[in-house]
Amino acid sequence: MMNKKLSQLFYLAASSFAVFGAVAHFLEHFYAPYLFSVGAAMFIIIQAIHVFTMPDTSMREMRLARIGLFSSLLLGLSAYFMFTNSNLWVIALLIYALTSFFLSYRGE
């Protein structure tokens, strides 16, 4: 498992790529989906590492971690919608944000 400092740095880089990609998409830059995709892939990797390397924890914590992994897959779907020039990427991103908000209060 990644140590805490490296994990925080990875989260910061992933969120920076995702935010810059989303803002660049609104400004209609051609590289926006690529930036967002890098951030989305990093979030998916972080969540997968978190789920698969969890020590023996309660079923509740495992369930919340799995929900986090599946909600991070919405970021990948959102990146796909960016590449297809569909506005559905905003809805997928909103569902991810609401799920993350919910999980932040449910976790310990």
C-alpha atoms as a PDB file:
ATOM      1  CA  MET A   1       0.000   0.000   0.000  1.00  0.00           C
ATOM      2  CA  MET A   2       1.116   3.528  -0.704  1.00  0.00           C
ATOM      3  CA  ASN A   3       2.259   5.536   2.256  1.00  0.00           C
ATOM      4  CA  LYS A   4       0.074   8.428   3.345  1.00  0.00           C
ATOM      5  CA  LYS A   5       2.244  11.249   1.962  1.00  0.00           C
ATOM      6  CA  LEU A   6       2.530   9.660  -1.481  1.00  0.00           C
ATOM      7  CA  SER A   7      -1.185   8.912  -1.509  1.00  0.00           C
ATOM      8  CA  GLN A   8      -2.033  12.546  -0.729  1.00  0.00           C
ATOM      9  CA  LEU A   9       0.321  13.737  -3.462  1.00  0.00           C
ATOM     10  CA  PHE A  10      -1.310  11.353  -5.939  1.00  0.00           C
ATOM     11  CA  TYR A  11      -4.777  12.627  -4.948  1.00  0.00           C
ATOM     12  CA  LEU A  12      -3.614  16.223  -5.415  1.00  0.00           C
ATOM     13  CA  ALA A  13      -2.189  15.486  -8.862  1.00  0.00           C
ATOM     14  CA  ALA A  14      -5.322  13.595  -9.924  1.00  0.00           C
ATOM     15  CA  SER A  15      -7.661  16.329  -8.779  1.00  0.00           C
ATOM     16  CA  SER A  16      -5.501  18.986 -10.453  1.00  0.00           C
ATOM     17  CA  PHE A  17      -5.622  17.163 -13.781  1.00  0.00           C
ATOM     18  CA  ALA A  18      -9.380  16.644 -13.486  1.00  0.00           C
ATOM     19  CA  VAL A  19     -10.131  20.258 -12.563  1.00  0.00           C
ATOM     20  CA  PHE A  20      -7.845  21.716 -15.229  1.00  0.00           C
ATOM     21  CA  GLY A  21      -9.348  19.354 -17.792  1.00  0.00           C
ATOM     22  CA  ALA A  22     -12.897  20.360 -16.880  1.00  0.00           C
ATOM     23  CA  VAL A  23     -12.067  24.074 -16.974  1.00  0.00           C
ATOM     24  CA  ALA A  24     -10.210  23.667 -20.268  1.00  0.00           C
ATOM     25  CA  HIS A  25     -13.260  21.918 -21.709  1.00  0.00           C
ATOM     26  CA  PHE A  26     -15.432  24.905 -20.847  1.00  0.00           C
ATOM     27  CA  LEU A  27     -12.837  27.132 -22.527  1.00  0.00           C
ATOM     28  CA  GLU A  28     -13.012  24.810 -25.556  1.00  0.00           C
ATOM     29  CA  HIS A  29      -9.378  23.711 -25.662  1.00  0.00           C
ATOM     30  CA  PHE A  30      -8.684  20.593 -27.728  1.00  0.00           C
ATOM     31  CA  TYR A  31      -6.519  18.982 -25.031  1.00  0.00           C
ATOM     32  CA  ALA A  32      -9.192  19.149 -22.305  1.00  0.00           C
ATOM     33  CA  PRO A  33     -10.401  15.525 -22.584  1.00  0.00           C
ATOM     34  CA  TYR A  34      -6.821  14.287 -22.362  1.00  0.00           C
ATOM     35  CA  LEU A  35      -6.121  16.220 -19.159  1.00  0.00           C
ATOM     36  CA  PHE A  36      -9.387  15.092 -17.630  1.00  0.00           C
ATOM     37  CA  SER A  37      -8.736  11.479 -18.662  1.00  0.00           C
ATOM     38  CA  VAL A  38      -5.366  11.472 -16.909  1.00  0.00           C
ATOM     39  CA  GLY A  39      -6.994  12.745 -13.722  1.00  0.00           C
ATOM     40  CA  ALA A  40      -9.841  10.242 -13.999  1.00  0.00           C
ATOM     41  CA  ALA A  41      -7.427   7.353 -14.553  1.00  0.00           C
ATOM     42  CA  MET A  42      -5.400   8.417 -11.537  1.00  0.00           C
ATOM     43  CA  PHE A  43      -8.546   8.516  -9.370  1.00  0.00           C
ATOM     44  CA  ILE A  44      -9.566   5.057 -10.552  1.00  0.00           C
ATOM     45  CA  ILE A  45      -6.087   3.713  -9.774  1.00  0.00           C
ATOM     46  CA  ILE A  46      -6.120   5.296  -6.314  1.00  0.00           C
ATOM     47  CA  GLN A  47      -9.516   3.815  -5.499  1.00  0.00           C
ATOM     48  CA  ALA A  48      -8.544   0.385  -6.831  1.00  0.00           C
ATOM     49  CA  ILE A  49      -5.370   0.350  -4.738  1.00  0.00           C
ATOM     50  CA  HIS A  50      -7.396   1.405  -1.719  1.00  0.00           C
ATOM     51  CA  VAL A  51      -9.975  -1.356  -2.188  1.00  0.00           C
ATOM     52  CA  PHE A  52      -7.583  -4.189  -2.966  1.00  0.00           C
ATOM     53  CA  THR A  53      -4.978  -3.421  -0.311  1.00  0.00           C
ATOM     54  CA  MET A  54      -7.291  -2.773   2.617  1.00  0.00           C
ATOM     55  CA  PRO A  55      -6.336  -4.752   5.672  1.00  0.00           C
ATOM     56  CA  ASP A  56      -8.985  -6.811   7.411  1.00  0.00           C
ATOM     57  CA  THR A  57     -11.653  -4.226   8.037  1.00  0.00           C
ATOM     58  CA  SER A  58     -15.339  -4.271   8.747  1.00  0.00           C
ATOM     59  CA  MET A  59     -17.857  -5.066   6.056  1.00  0.00           C
ATOM     60  CA  ARG A  60     -19.128  -1.503   6.268  1.00  0.00           C
ATOM     61  CA  GLU A  61     -15.734  -0.028   5.387  1.00  0.00           C
ATOM     62  CA  MET A  62     -15.246  -2.504   2.549  1.00  0.00           C
ATOM     63  CA  ARG A  63     -18.686  -1.657   1.161  1.00  0.00           C
ATOM     64  CA  LEU A  64     -17.938   2.079   1.294  1.00  0.00           C
ATOM     65  CA  ALA A  65     -14.590   1.523  -0.430  1.00  0.00           C
ATOM     66  CA  ARG A  66     -16.257  -0.487  -3.197  1.00  0.00           C
ATOM     67  CA  ILE A  67     -18.875   2.212  -3.676  1.00  0.00           C
ATOM     68  CA  GLY A  68     -16.004   4.701  -3.969  1.00  0.00           C
ATOM     69  CA  LEU A  69     -14.362   2.548  -6.627  1.00  0.00           C
ATOM     70  CA  PHE A  70     -17.539   2.228  -8.662  1.00  0.00           C
ATOM     71  CA  SER A  71     -18.240   5.935  -8.368  1.00  0.00           C
ATOM     72  CA  SER A  72     -14.719   6.725  -9.567  1.00  0.00           C
ATOM     73  CA  LEU A  73     -15.520   4.687 -12.670  1.00  0.00           C
ATOM     74  CA  LEU A  74     -18.057   7.426 -13.393  1.00  0.00           C
ATOM     75  CA  LEU A  75     -15.075   9.715 -13.956  1.00  0.00           C
ATOM     76  CA  GLY A  76     -13.909   7.371 -16.693  1.00  0.00           C
ATOM     77  CA  LEU A  77     -17.377   7.477 -18.210  1.00  0.00           C
ATOM     78  CA  SER A  78     -17.307  11.243 -17.953  1.00  0.00           C
ATOM     79  CA  ALA A  79     -13.988  11.326 -19.826  1.00  0.00           C
ATOM     80  CA  TYR A  80     -15.502   9.149 -22.544  1.00  0.00           C
ATOM     81  CA  PHE A  81     -18.396  11.582 -22.910  1.00  0.00           C
ATOM     82  CA  MET A  82     -15.887  14.418 -23.198  1.00  0.00           C
ATOM     83  CA  PHE A  83     -14.224  12.694 -26.136  1.00  0.00           C
ATOM     84  CA  THR A  84     -17.581  12.169 -27.855  1.00  0.00           C
ATOM     85  CA  ASN A  85     -18.467  15.869 -27.406  1.00  0.00           C
ATOM     86  CA  SER A  86     -21.561  14.966 -25.428  1.00  0.00           C
ATOM     87  CA  ASN A  87     -22.752  17.092 -22.537  1.00  0.00           C
ATOM     88  CA  LEU A  88     -23.526  13.976 -20.512  1.00  0.00           C
ATOM     89  CA  TRP A  89     -20.044  14.222 -19.000  1.00  0.00           C
ATOM     90  CA  VAL A  90     -21.384  16.929 -16.694  1.00  0.00           C
ATOM     91  CA  ILE A  91     -24.108  14.627 -15.359  1.00  0.00           C
ATOM     92  CA  ALA A  92     -21.653  11.768 -14.770  1.00  0.00           C
ATOM     93  CA  LEU A  93     -19.316  14.183 -12.987  1.00  0.00           C
ATOM     94  CA  LEU A  94     -22.180  15.484 -10.846  1.00  0.00           C
ATOM     95  CA  ILE A  95     -23.176  11.959  -9.822  1.00  0.00           C
ATOM     96  CA  TYR A  96     -19.534  11.253  -8.909  1.00  0.00           C
ATOM     97  CA  ALA A  97     -19.344  14.458  -6.858  1.00  0.00           C
ATOM     98  CA  LEU A  98     -22.563  13.709  -4.977  1.00  0.00           C
ATOM     99  CA  THR A  99     -21.461  10.145  -4.273  1.00  0.00           C
ATOM    100  CA  SER A 100     -18.071  11.325  -3.030  1.00  0.00           C
ATOM    101  CA  PHE A 101     -19.776  13.894  -0.831  1.00  0.00           C
ATOM    102  CA  PHE A 102     -22.018  11.190   0.612  1.00  0.00           C
ATOM    103  CA  LEU A 103     -19.070   8.854   1.212  1.00  0.00           C
ATOM    104  CA  SER A 104     -17.031  11.555   2.917  1.00  0.00           C
ATOM    105  CA  TYR A 105     -19.661  11.781   5.655  1.00  0.00           C
ATOM    106  CA  ARG A 106     -20.238   8.033   5.877  1.00  0.00           C
ATOM    107  CA  GLY A 107     -16.562   7.143   6.265  1.00  0.00           C
ATOM    108  CA  GLU A 108     -14.650   7.401   9.478  1.00  0.00           C
END
